[in-house]
Full PDB file with SEQRES, HELIX, SHEET, SSBOND, CRYST1, ORIGX, SCALE, CONECT and MASTER records, all heavy atoms in Angstrom:
SEQRES   1 A   39  ALA LYS HIS ARG PRO LEU ASN SER VAL LEU ILE LYS PRO          
SEQRES   2 A   39  THR GLY PRO ASP CYS ASN LEU ASP CYS SER TYR CYS PHE          
SEQRES   3 A   39  TYR LEU GLU LYS SER GLU LEU PHE LYS GLN SER PRO VAL          
HELIX    1 AA1 LEU A   28  LEU A   33  5                                   6    
CRYST1    1.000    1.000    1.000  90.00  90.00  90.00 P 1           1          
ORIGX1      1.000000  0.000000  0.000000        0.00000                         
ORIGX2      0.000000  1.000000  0.000000        0.00000                         
ORIGX3      0.000000  0.000000  1.000000        0.00000                         
SCALE1      1.000000  0.000000  0.000000        0.00000                         
SCALE2      0.000000  1.000000  0.000000        0.00000                         
SCALE3      0.000000  0.000000  1.000000        0.00000                         
ATOM      1  N   ALA A   1      -0.044  18.165 -31.474  1.00  0.00           N  
ATOM      2  CA  ALA A   1       0.096  18.077 -30.030  1.00  0.00           C  
ATOM      3  C   ALA A   1       1.424  17.428 -29.647  1.00  0.00           C  
ATOM      4  O   ALA A   1       1.906  16.528 -30.327  1.00  0.00           O  
ATOM      5  CB  ALA A   1      -1.062  17.275 -29.441  1.00  0.00           C  
ATOM      6  N   LYS A   2       1.995  17.920 -28.557  1.00  0.00           N  
ATOM      7  CA  LYS A   2       3.252  17.381 -28.054  1.00  0.00           C  
ATOM      8  C   LYS A   2       3.030  15.979 -27.492  1.00  0.00           C  
ATOM      9  O   LYS A   2       2.063  15.731 -26.783  1.00  0.00           O  
ATOM     10  CB  LYS A   2       3.800  18.303 -26.969  1.00  0.00           C  
ATOM     11  CG  LYS A   2       5.123  17.857 -26.386  1.00  0.00           C  
ATOM     12  CD  LYS A   2       5.584  18.827 -25.311  1.00  0.00           C  
ATOM     13  CE  LYS A   2       6.888  18.362 -24.678  1.00  0.00           C  
ATOM     14  NZ  LYS A   2       7.328  19.295 -23.605  1.00  0.00           N  
ATOM     15  N   HIS A   3       3.933  15.069 -27.836  1.00  0.00           N  
ATOM     16  CA  HIS A   3       3.833  13.699 -27.330  1.00  0.00           C  
ATOM     17  C   HIS A   3       4.144  13.677 -25.842  1.00  0.00           C  
ATOM     18  O   HIS A   3       5.165  14.202 -25.398  1.00  0.00           O  
ATOM     19  CB  HIS A   3       4.802  12.786 -28.080  1.00  0.00           C  
ATOM     20  CG  HIS A   3       4.771  11.364 -27.586  1.00  0.00           C  
ATOM     21  ND1 HIS A   3       3.809  10.462 -27.998  1.00  0.00           N  
ATOM     22  CD2 HIS A   3       5.575  10.705 -26.710  1.00  0.00           C  
ATOM     23  CE1 HIS A   3       4.028   9.298 -27.397  1.00  0.00           C  
ATOM     24  NE2 HIS A   3       5.093   9.429 -26.617  1.00  0.00           N  
ATOM     25  N   ARG A   4       3.254  13.080 -25.072  1.00  0.00           N  
ATOM     26  CA  ARG A   4       3.454  12.986 -23.632  1.00  0.00           C  
ATOM     27  C   ARG A   4       4.131  11.665 -23.290  1.00  0.00           C  
ATOM     28  O   ARG A   4       3.639  10.598 -23.662  1.00  0.00           O  
ATOM     29  CB  ARG A   4       2.123  13.059 -22.885  1.00  0.00           C  
ATOM     30  CG  ARG A   4       1.445  14.415 -22.891  1.00  0.00           C  
ATOM     31  CD  ARG A   4       0.202  14.358 -22.021  1.00  0.00           C  
ATOM     32  NE  ARG A   4      -0.563  15.585 -22.020  1.00  0.00           N  
ATOM     33  CZ  ARG A   4      -0.365  16.604 -21.185  1.00  0.00           C  
ATOM     34  NH1 ARG A   4       0.599  16.524 -20.284  1.00  0.00           N  
ATOM     35  NH2 ARG A   4      -1.119  17.679 -21.243  1.00  0.00           N  
ATOM     36  N   PRO A   5       5.208  11.696 -22.536  1.00  0.00           N  
ATOM     37  CA  PRO A   5       5.816  10.446 -22.065  1.00  0.00           C  
ATOM     38  C   PRO A   5       5.006   9.879 -20.901  1.00  0.00           C  
ATOM     39  O   PRO A   5       4.296  10.620 -20.211  1.00  0.00           O  
ATOM     40  CB  PRO A   5       7.205  10.895 -21.601  1.00  0.00           C  
ATOM     41  CG  PRO A   5       7.004  12.322 -21.167  1.00  0.00           C  
ATOM     42  CD  PRO A   5       5.968  12.891 -22.120  1.00  0.00           C  
ATOM     43  N   LEU A   6       5.106   8.600 -20.682  1.00  0.00           N  
ATOM     44  CA  LEU A   6       4.412   7.952 -19.572  1.00  0.00           C  
ATOM     45  C   LEU A   6       5.295   8.050 -18.335  1.00  0.00           C  
ATOM     46  O   LEU A   6       6.211   7.251 -18.142  1.00  0.00           O  
ATOM     47  CB  LEU A   6       4.097   6.495 -19.908  1.00  0.00           C  
ATOM     48  CG  LEU A   6       3.365   5.692 -18.827  1.00  0.00           C  
ATOM     49  CD1 LEU A   6       2.015   6.314 -18.510  1.00  0.00           C  
ATOM     50  CD2 LEU A   6       3.191   4.241 -19.272  1.00  0.00           C  
ATOM     51  N   ASN A   7       5.013   9.048 -17.503  1.00  0.00           N  
ATOM     52  CA  ASN A   7       5.807   9.272 -16.299  1.00  0.00           C  
ATOM     53  C   ASN A   7       5.098   8.840 -15.025  1.00  0.00           C  
ATOM     54  O   ASN A   7       5.753   8.558 -14.018  1.00  0.00           O  
ATOM     55  CB  ASN A   7       6.179  10.752 -16.172  1.00  0.00           C  
ATOM     56  CG  ASN A   7       7.083  11.220 -17.292  1.00  0.00           C  
ATOM     57  OD1 ASN A   7       7.914  10.459 -17.775  1.00  0.00           O  
ATOM     58  ND2 ASN A   7       6.914  12.455 -17.722  1.00  0.00           N  
ATOM     59  N   SER A   8       3.758   8.826 -15.066  1.00  0.00           N  
ATOM     60  CA  SER A   8       3.021   8.469 -13.861  1.00  0.00           C  
ATOM     61  C   SER A   8       1.638   7.949 -14.222  1.00  0.00           C  
ATOM     62  O   SER A   8       1.087   8.276 -15.273  1.00  0.00           O  
ATOM     63  CB  SER A   8       2.898   9.670 -12.915  1.00  0.00           C  
ATOM     64  OG  SER A   8       2.184  10.721 -13.530  1.00  0.00           O  
ATOM     65  N   VAL A   9       1.110   7.155 -13.323  1.00  0.00           N  
ATOM     66  CA  VAL A   9      -0.233   6.611 -13.493  1.00  0.00           C  
ATOM     67  C   VAL A   9      -0.875   6.500 -12.122  1.00  0.00           C  
ATOM     68  O   VAL A   9      -0.210   6.196 -11.120  1.00  0.00           O  
ATOM     69  CB  VAL A   9      -0.190   5.235 -14.204  1.00  0.00           C  
ATOM     70  CG1 VAL A   9       0.624   4.231 -13.416  1.00  0.00           C  
ATOM     71  CG2 VAL A   9      -1.594   4.700 -14.461  1.00  0.00           C  
ATOM     72  N   LEU A  10      -2.148   6.812 -12.052  1.00  0.00           N  
ATOM     73  CA  LEU A  10      -2.909   6.723 -10.808  1.00  0.00           C  
ATOM     74  C   LEU A  10      -3.818   5.503 -10.901  1.00  0.00           C  
ATOM     75  O   LEU A  10      -4.569   5.367 -11.869  1.00  0.00           O  
ATOM     76  CB  LEU A  10      -3.714   8.001 -10.590  1.00  0.00           C  
ATOM     77  CG  LEU A  10      -4.304   8.245  -9.203  1.00  0.00           C  
ATOM     78  CD1 LEU A  10      -4.540   9.736  -8.991  1.00  0.00           C  
ATOM     79  CD2 LEU A  10      -5.626   7.500  -9.017  1.00  0.00           C  
ATOM     80  N   ILE A  11      -3.747   4.630  -9.907  1.00  0.00           N  
ATOM     81  CA  ILE A  11      -4.432   3.338  -9.967  1.00  0.00           C  
ATOM     82  C   ILE A  11      -5.413   3.210  -8.814  1.00  0.00           C  
ATOM     83  O   ILE A  11      -5.068   3.495  -7.659  1.00  0.00           O  
ATOM     84  CB  ILE A  11      -3.403   2.189  -9.907  1.00  0.00           C  
ATOM     85  CG1 ILE A  11      -2.326   2.385 -10.973  1.00  0.00           C  
ATOM     86  CG2 ILE A  11      -4.094   0.837 -10.092  1.00  0.00           C  
ATOM     87  CD1 ILE A  11      -1.076   1.560 -10.734  1.00  0.00           C  
ATOM     88  N   LYS A  12      -6.627   2.772  -9.140  1.00  0.00           N  
ATOM     89  CA  LYS A  12      -7.673   2.594  -8.130  1.00  0.00           C  
ATOM     90  C   LYS A  12      -8.082   1.118  -8.088  1.00  0.00           C  
ATOM     91  O   LYS A  12      -9.092   0.731  -8.680  1.00  0.00           O  
ATOM     92  CB  LYS A  12      -8.860   3.490  -8.453  1.00  0.00           C  
ATOM     93  CG  LYS A  12      -8.534   4.979  -8.314  1.00  0.00           C  
ATOM     94  CD  LYS A  12      -9.727   5.835  -8.660  1.00  0.00           C  
ATOM     95  CE  LYS A  12      -9.457   7.307  -8.362  1.00  0.00           C  
ATOM     96  NZ  LYS A  12      -9.420   7.648  -6.935  1.00  0.00           N  
ATOM     97  N   PRO A  13      -7.311   0.287  -7.370  1.00  0.00           N  
ATOM     98  CA  PRO A  13      -7.550  -1.158  -7.415  1.00  0.00           C  
ATOM     99  C   PRO A  13      -8.838  -1.606  -6.729  1.00  0.00           C  
ATOM    100  O   PRO A  13      -9.321  -2.708  -6.989  1.00  0.00           O  
ATOM    101  CB  PRO A  13      -6.327  -1.739  -6.710  1.00  0.00           C  
ATOM    102  CG  PRO A  13      -5.861  -0.649  -5.808  1.00  0.00           C  
ATOM    103  CD  PRO A  13      -6.142   0.626  -6.544  1.00  0.00           C  
ATOM    104  N   THR A  14      -9.406  -0.760  -5.861  1.00  0.00           N  
ATOM    105  CA  THR A  14     -10.688  -1.097  -5.228  1.00  0.00           C  
ATOM    106  C   THR A  14     -11.813  -0.202  -5.734  1.00  0.00           C  
ATOM    107  O   THR A  14     -12.909  -0.186  -5.157  1.00  0.00           O  
ATOM    108  CB  THR A  14     -10.606  -0.968  -3.695  1.00  0.00           C  
ATOM    109  OG1 THR A  14     -10.321   0.403  -3.357  1.00  0.00           O  
ATOM    110  CG2 THR A  14      -9.534  -1.877  -3.126  1.00  0.00           C  
ATOM    111  N   GLY A  15     -11.556   0.516  -6.822  1.00  0.00           N  
ATOM    112  CA  GLY A  15     -12.576   1.414  -7.351  1.00  0.00           C  
ATOM    113  C   GLY A  15     -13.053   2.390  -6.285  1.00  0.00           C  
ATOM    114  O   GLY A  15     -12.250   2.954  -5.538  1.00  0.00           O  
ATOM    115  N   PRO A  16     -14.366   2.558  -6.147  1.00  0.00           N  
ATOM    116  CA  PRO A  16     -14.906   3.486  -5.155  1.00  0.00           C  
ATOM    117  C   PRO A  16     -15.113   2.870  -3.773  1.00  0.00           C  
ATOM    118  O   PRO A  16     -15.605   3.547  -2.861  1.00  0.00           O  
ATOM    119  CB  PRO A  16     -16.253   3.878  -5.775  1.00  0.00           C  
ATOM    120  CG  PRO A  16     -16.671   2.649  -6.511  1.00  0.00           C  
ATOM    121  CD  PRO A  16     -15.399   2.028  -7.046  1.00  0.00           C  
ATOM    122  N   ASP A  17     -14.752   1.604  -3.601  1.00  0.00           N  
ATOM    123  CA  ASP A  17     -14.993   0.926  -2.324  1.00  0.00           C  
ATOM    124  C   ASP A  17     -14.120   1.508  -1.219  1.00  0.00           C  
ATOM    125  O   ASP A  17     -12.912   1.724  -1.411  1.00  0.00           O  
ATOM    126  CB  ASP A  17     -14.714  -0.571  -2.437  1.00  0.00           C  
ATOM    127  CG  ASP A  17     -15.689  -1.280  -3.357  1.00  0.00           C  
ATOM    128  OD1 ASP A  17     -16.573  -0.614  -3.926  1.00  0.00           O  
ATOM    129  OD2 ASP A  17     -15.564  -2.508  -3.515  1.00  0.00           O  
ATOM    130  N   CYS A  18     -14.721   1.727  -0.060  1.00  0.00           N  
ATOM    131  CA  CYS A  18     -14.000   2.296   1.065  1.00  0.00           C  
ATOM    132  C   CYS A  18     -14.613   1.800   2.366  1.00  0.00           C  
ATOM    133  O   CYS A  18     -15.814   1.507   2.429  1.00  0.00           O  
ATOM    134  CB  CYS A  18     -14.048   3.824   1.010  1.00  0.00           C  
ATOM    135  SG  CYS A  18     -12.971   4.630   2.228  1.00  0.00           S  
ATOM    136  N   ASN A  19     -13.799   1.721   3.395  1.00  0.00           N  
ATOM    137  CA  ASN A  19     -14.286   1.333   4.718  1.00  0.00           C  
ATOM    138  C   ASN A  19     -14.695   2.534   5.558  1.00  0.00           C  
ATOM    139  O   ASN A  19     -15.064   2.378   6.722  1.00  0.00           O  
ATOM    140  CB  ASN A  19     -13.226   0.503   5.454  1.00  0.00           C  
ATOM    141  CG  ASN A  19     -11.860   1.165   5.478  1.00  0.00           C  
ATOM    142  OD1 ASN A  19     -11.590   2.109   4.728  1.00  0.00           O  
ATOM    143  ND2 ASN A  19     -10.982   0.691   6.347  1.00  0.00           N  
ATOM    144  N   LEU A  20     -14.631   3.727   4.966  1.00  0.00           N  
ATOM    145  CA  LEU A  20     -15.110   4.934   5.638  1.00  0.00           C  
ATOM    146  C   LEU A  20     -16.286   5.527   4.872  1.00  0.00           C  
ATOM    147  O   LEU A  20     -16.596   5.121   3.752  1.00  0.00           O  
ATOM    148  CB  LEU A  20     -13.995   5.970   5.773  1.00  0.00           C  
ATOM    149  CG  LEU A  20     -12.767   5.583   6.609  1.00  0.00           C  
ATOM    150  CD1 LEU A  20     -11.875   6.801   6.833  1.00  0.00           C  
ATOM    151  CD2 LEU A  20     -13.162   4.962   7.932  1.00  0.00           C  
ATOM    152  N   ASP A  21     -16.909   6.506   5.498  1.00  0.00           N  
ATOM    153  CA  ASP A  21     -18.074   7.164   4.901  1.00  0.00           C  
ATOM    154  C   ASP A  21     -17.955   8.666   5.136  1.00  0.00           C  
ATOM    155  O   ASP A  21     -18.812   9.284   5.760  1.00  0.00           O  
ATOM    156  CB  ASP A  21     -19.359   6.614   5.529  1.00  0.00           C  
ATOM    157  CG  ASP A  21     -20.613   7.002   4.743  1.00  0.00           C  
ATOM    158  OD1 ASP A  21     -20.468   7.394   3.568  1.00  0.00           O  
ATOM    159  OD2 ASP A  21     -21.709   6.925   5.312  1.00  0.00           O  
ATOM    160  N   CYS A  22     -16.881   9.249   4.621  1.00  0.00           N  
ATOM    161  CA  CYS A  22     -16.600  10.667   4.838  1.00  0.00           C  
ATOM    162  C   CYS A  22     -17.640  11.546   4.139  1.00  0.00           C  
ATOM    163  O   CYS A  22     -18.003  11.302   2.988  1.00  0.00           O  
ATOM    164  CB  CYS A  22     -15.204  11.010   4.342  1.00  0.00           C  
ATOM    165  SG  CYS A  22     -13.898  10.019   5.115  1.00  0.00           S  
ATOM    166  N   SER A  23     -18.081  12.565   4.835  1.00  0.00           N  
ATOM    167  CA  SER A  23     -19.174  13.406   4.334  1.00  0.00           C  
ATOM    168  C   SER A  23     -18.848  14.089   3.019  1.00  0.00           C  
ATOM    169  O   SER A  23     -19.722  14.281   2.166  1.00  0.00           O  
ATOM    170  CB  SER A  23     -19.520  14.477   5.378  1.00  0.00           C  
ATOM    171  OG  SER A  23     -19.828  13.905   6.618  1.00  0.00           O  
ATOM    172  N   TYR A  24     -17.591  14.477   2.838  1.00  0.00           N  
ATOM    173  CA  TYR A  24     -17.229  15.273   1.669  1.00  0.00           C  
ATOM    174  C   TYR A  24     -16.687  14.445   0.504  1.00  0.00           C  
ATOM    175  O   TYR A  24     -16.284  14.998  -0.515  1.00  0.00           O  
ATOM    176  CB  TYR A  24     -16.211  16.359   2.037  1.00  0.00           C  
ATOM    177  CG  TYR A  24     -14.999  15.878   2.801  1.00  0.00           C  
ATOM    178  CD1 TYR A  24     -14.123  14.940   2.265  1.00  0.00           C  
ATOM    179  CD2 TYR A  24     -14.715  16.378   4.074  1.00  0.00           C  
ATOM    180  CE1 TYR A  24     -13.006  14.514   2.958  1.00  0.00           C  
ATOM    181  CE2 TYR A  24     -13.600  15.962   4.779  1.00  0.00           C  
ATOM    182  CZ  TYR A  24     -12.748  15.024   4.219  1.00  0.00           C  
ATOM    183  OH  TYR A  24     -11.645  14.604   4.906  1.00  0.00           O  
ATOM    184  N   CYS A  25     -16.652  13.124   0.646  1.00  0.00           N  
ATOM    185  CA  CYS A  25     -16.052  12.297  -0.400  1.00  0.00           C  
ATOM    186  C   CYS A  25     -16.835  12.372  -1.710  1.00  0.00           C  
ATOM    187  O   CYS A  25     -18.051  12.203  -1.726  1.00  0.00           O  
ATOM    188  CB  CYS A  25     -15.962  10.844   0.056  1.00  0.00           C  
ATOM    189  SG  CYS A  25     -15.152   9.770  -1.162  1.00  0.00           S  
ATOM    190  N   PHE A  26     -16.120  12.609  -2.796  1.00  0.00           N  
ATOM    191  CA  PHE A  26     -16.753  12.688  -4.112  1.00  0.00           C  
ATOM    192  C   PHE A  26     -16.720  11.357  -4.842  1.00  0.00           C  
ATOM    193  O   PHE A  26     -17.371  11.201  -5.884  1.00  0.00           O  
ATOM    194  CB  PHE A  26     -16.044  13.746  -4.976  1.00  0.00           C  
ATOM    195  CG  PHE A  26     -14.685  13.324  -5.465  1.00  0.00           C  
ATOM    196  CD1 PHE A  26     -14.527  12.768  -6.724  1.00  0.00           C  
ATOM    197  CD2 PHE A  26     -13.559  13.463  -4.659  1.00  0.00           C  
ATOM    198  CE1 PHE A  26     -13.267  12.359  -7.174  1.00  0.00           C  
ATOM    199  CE2 PHE A  26     -12.307  13.068  -5.097  1.00  0.00           C  
ATOM    200  CZ  PHE A  26     -12.162  12.518  -6.358  1.00  0.00           C  
ATOM    201  N   TYR A  27     -15.962  10.372  -4.316  1.00  0.00           N  
ATOM    202  CA  TYR A  27     -15.726   9.168  -5.108  1.00  0.00           C  
ATOM    203  C   TYR A  27     -16.642   8.000  -4.765  1.00  0.00           C  
ATOM    204  O   TYR A  27     -16.811   7.086  -5.574  1.00  0.00           O  
ATOM    205  CB  TYR A  27     -14.261   8.729  -4.993  1.00  0.00           C  
ATOM    206  CG  TYR A  27     -13.774   8.080  -6.277  1.00  0.00           C  
ATOM    207  CD1 TYR A  27     -13.456   8.855  -7.384  1.00  0.00           C  
ATOM    208  CD2 TYR A  27     -13.671   6.709  -6.393  1.00  0.00           C  
ATOM    209  CE1 TYR A  27     -13.048   8.277  -8.579  1.00  0.00           C  
ATOM    210  CE2 TYR A  27     -13.253   6.107  -7.579  1.00  0.00           C  
ATOM    211  CZ  TYR A  27     -12.950   6.904  -8.665  1.00  0.00           C  
ATOM    212  OH  TYR A  27     -12.558   6.314  -9.851  1.00  0.00           O  
ATOM    213  N   LEU A  28     -17.239   7.993  -3.593  1.00  0.00           N  
ATOM    214  CA  LEU A  28     -18.117   6.885  -3.215  1.00  0.00           C  
ATOM    215  C   LEU A  28     -19.254   6.705  -4.217  1.00  0.00           C  
ATOM    216  O   LEU A  28     -19.663   5.585  -4.531  1.00  0.00           O  
ATOM    217  CB  LEU A  28     -18.685   7.111  -1.811  1.00  0.00           C  
ATOM    218  CG  LEU A  28     -17.694   7.040  -0.648  1.00  0.00           C  
ATOM    219  CD1 LEU A  28     -18.395   7.399   0.660  1.00  0.00           C  
ATOM    220  CD2 LEU A  28     -17.070   5.646  -0.544  1.00  0.00           C  
ATOM    221  N   GLU A  29     -19.749   7.807  -4.741  1.00  0.00           N  
ATOM    222  CA  GLU A  29     -20.877   7.743  -5.676  1.00  0.00           C  
ATOM    223  C   GLU A  29     -20.497   7.151  -7.029  1.00  0.00           C  
ATOM    224  O   GLU A  29     -21.372   6.830  -7.840  1.00  0.00           O  
ATOM    225  CB  GLU A  29     -21.468   9.140  -5.874  1.00  0.00           C  
ATOM    226  CG  GLU A  29     -20.520  10.137  -6.514  1.00  0.00           C  
ATOM    227  CD  GLU A  29     -21.061  11.555  -6.498  1.00  0.00           C  
ATOM    228  OE1 GLU A  29     -21.669  11.962  -5.489  1.00  0.00           O  
ATOM    229  OE2 GLU A  29     -20.873  12.263  -7.506  1.00  0.00           O  
ATOM    230  N   LYS A  30     -19.194   6.986  -7.288  1.00  0.00           N  
ATOM    231  CA  LYS A  30     -18.768   6.392  -8.555  1.00  0.00           C  
ATOM    232  C   LYS A  30     -19.159   4.921  -8.657  1.00  0.00           C  
ATOM    233  O   LYS A  30     -19.046   4.330  -9.739  1.00  0.00           O  
ATOM    234  CB  LYS A  30     -17.251   6.526  -8.718  1.00  0.00           C  
ATOM    235  CG  LYS A  30     -16.761   7.961  -8.779  1.00  0.00           C  
ATOM    236  CD  LYS A  30     -17.328   8.722  -9.963  1.00  0.00           C  
ATOM    237  CE  LYS A  30     -16.791  10.139 -10.011  1.00  0.00           C  
ATOM    238  NZ  LYS A  30     -17.360  10.930 -11.133  1.00  0.00           N  
ATOM    239  N   SER A  31     -19.622   4.340  -7.558  1.00  0.00           N  
ATOM    240  CA  SER A  31     -20.096   2.953  -7.614  1.00  0.00           C  
ATOM    241  C   SER A  31     -21.245   2.803  -8.607  1.00  0.00           C  
ATOM    242  O   SER A  31     -21.495   1.706  -9.119  1.00  0.00           O  
ATOM    243  CB  SER A  31     -20.542   2.486  -6.228  1.00  0.00           C  
ATOM    244  OG  SER A  31     -21.583   3.311  -5.726  1.00  0.00           O  
ATOM    245  N   GLU A  32     -21.940   3.904  -8.914  1.00  0.00           N  
ATOM    246  CA  GLU A  32     -23.022   3.881  -9.903  1.00  0.00           C  
ATOM    247  C   GLU A  32     -22.506   3.514 -11.289  1.00  0.00           C  
ATOM    248  O   GLU A  32     -23.268   3.034 -12.132  1.00  0.00           O  
ATOM    249  CB  GLU A  32     -23.718   5.250  -9.949  1.00  0.00           C  
ATOM    250  CG  GLU A  32     -24.513   5.590  -8.693  1.00  0.00           C  
ATOM    251  CD  GLU A  32     -25.686   4.639  -8.489  1.00  0.00           C  
ATOM    252  OE1 GLU A  32     -26.449   4.436  -9.452  1.00  0.00           O  
ATOM    253  OE2 GLU A  32     -25.830   4.102  -7.381  1.00  0.00           O  
ATOM    254  N   LEU A  33     -21.217   3.742 -11.535  1.00  0.00           N  
ATOM    255  CA  LEU A  33     -20.632   3.402 -12.831  1.00  0.00           C  
ATOM    256  C   LEU A  33     -20.309   1.918 -12.950  1.00  0.00           C  
ATOM    257  O   LEU A  33     -20.089   1.416 -14.051  1.00  0.00           O  
ATOM    258  CB  LEU A  33     -19.351   4.211 -13.059  1.00  0.00           C  
ATOM    259  CG  LEU A  33     -19.480   5.726 -13.187  1.00  0.00           C  
ATOM    260  CD1 LEU A  33     -18.101   6.356 -13.266  1.00  0.00           C  
ATOM    261  CD2 LEU A  33     -20.306   6.092 -14.413  1.00  0.00           C  
ATOM    262  N   PHE A  34     -20.259   1.244 -11.813  1.00  0.00           N  
ATOM    263  CA  PHE A  34     -19.817  -0.157 -11.791  1.00  0.00           C  
ATOM    264  C   PHE A  34     -20.839  -1.026 -11.055  1.00  0.00           C  
ATOM    265  O   PHE A  34     -20.527  -1.668 -10.054  1.00  0.00           O  
ATOM    266  CB  PHE A  34     -18.437  -0.252 -11.124  1.00  0.00           C  
ATOM    267  CG  PHE A  34     -17.446   0.764 -11.613  1.00  0.00           C  
ATOM    268  CD1 PHE A  34     -17.026   1.806 -10.794  1.00  0.00           C  
ATOM    269  CD2 PHE A  34     -16.934   0.695 -12.902  1.00  0.00           C  
ATOM    270  CE1 PHE A  34     -16.112   2.744 -11.235  1.00  0.00           C  
ATOM    271  CE2 PHE A  34     -16.025   1.638 -13.366  1.00  0.00           C  
ATOM    272  CZ  PHE A  34     -15.611   2.662 -12.534  1.00  0.00           C  
ATOM    273  N   LYS A  35     -22.048  -1.017 -11.556  1.00  0.00           N  
ATOM    274  CA  LYS A  35     -23.152  -1.708 -10.894  1.00  0.00           C  
ATOM    275  C   LYS A  35     -23.129  -3.223 -11.076  1.00  0.00           C  
ATOM    276  O   LYS A  35     -23.928  -3.932 -10.459  1.00  0.00           O  
ATOM    277  CB  LYS A  35     -24.485  -1.164 -11.410  1.00  0.00           C  
ATOM    278  CG  LYS A  35     -24.769   0.277 -11.019  1.00  0.00           C  
ATOM    279  CD  LYS A  35     -26.133   0.722 -11.534  1.00  0.00           C  
ATOM    280  CE  LYS A  35     -26.467   2.133 -11.103  1.00  0.00           C  
ATOM    281  NZ  LYS A  35     -27.801   2.569 -11.611  1.00  0.00           N  
ATOM    282  N   GLN A  36     -22.214  -3.715 -11.916  1.00  0.00           N  
ATOM    283  CA  GLN A  36     -22.184  -5.153 -12.181  1.00  0.00           C  
ATOM    284  C   GLN A  36     -21.897  -5.953 -10.915  1.00  0.00           C  
ATOM    285  O   GLN A  36     -22.275  -7.118 -10.810  1.00  0.00           O  
ATOM    286  CB  GLN A  36     -21.124  -5.483 -13.244  1.00  0.00           C  
ATOM    287  CG  GLN A  36     -21.379  -4.837 -14.603  1.00  0.00           C  
ATOM    288  CD  GLN A  36     -20.768  -3.446 -14.701  1.00  0.00           C  
ATOM    289  OE1 GLN A  36     -20.442  -2.822 -13.687  1.00  0.00           O  
ATOM    290  NE2 GLN A  36     -20.619  -2.954 -15.923  1.00  0.00           N  
ATOM    291  N   SER A  37     -21.220  -5.323  -9.955  1.00  0.00           N  
ATOM    292  CA  SER A  37     -20.869  -6.015  -8.723  1.00  0.00           C  
ATOM    293  C   SER A  37     -20.895  -5.034  -7.559  1.00  0.00           C  
ATOM    294  O   SER A  37     -20.508  -3.876  -7.718  1.00  0.00           O  
ATOM    295  CB  SER A  37     -19.478  -6.647  -8.834  1.00  0.00           C  
ATOM    296  OG  SER A  37     -19.055  -7.167  -7.592  1.00  0.00           O  
ATOM    297  N   PRO A  38     -21.348  -5.485  -6.367  1.00  0.00           N  
ATOM    298  CA  PRO A  38     -21.350  -4.594  -5.207  1.00  0.00           C  
ATOM    299  C   PRO A  38     -19.954  -4.401  -4.610  1.00  0.00           C  
ATOM    300  O   PRO A  38     -19.719  -3.466  -3.848  1.00  0.00           O  
ATOM    301  CB  PRO A  38     -22.272  -5.315  -4.221  1.00  0.00           C  
ATOM    302  CG  PRO A  38     -22.150  -6.762  -4.585  1.00  0.00           C  
ATOM    303  CD  PRO A  38     -21.976  -6.783  -6.075  1.00  0.00           C  
ATOM    304  N   VAL A  39     -19.032  -5.315  -4.952  1.00  0.00           N  
ATOM    305  CA  VAL A  39     -17.658  -5.233  -4.466  1.00  0.00           C  
ATOM    306  C   VAL A  39     -16.733  -5.088  -5.668  1.00  0.00           C  
ATOM    307  O   VAL A  39     -16.899  -5.782  -6.676  1.00  0.00           O  
ATOM    308  CB  VAL A  39     -17.267  -6.483  -3.652  1.00  0.00           C  
ATOM    309  CG1 VAL A  39     -15.813  -6.400  -3.210  1.00  0.00           C  
ATOM    310  CG2 VAL A  39     -18.183  -6.631  -2.437  1.00  0.00           C  
TER     311      VAL A  39                                                      
MASTER        0    0    0    1    0    0    0    6  310    1    0    3          
END                                                                             
């Protein structure tokens, strides 16, 4: 496999936490992966 250089990274510092409740959001449910804390 070709070696990939590190050119970009996507960071989620608040995880799935959001102040909105958009109907189509796919990420709010990811809180199930991080049940250790509600925040």
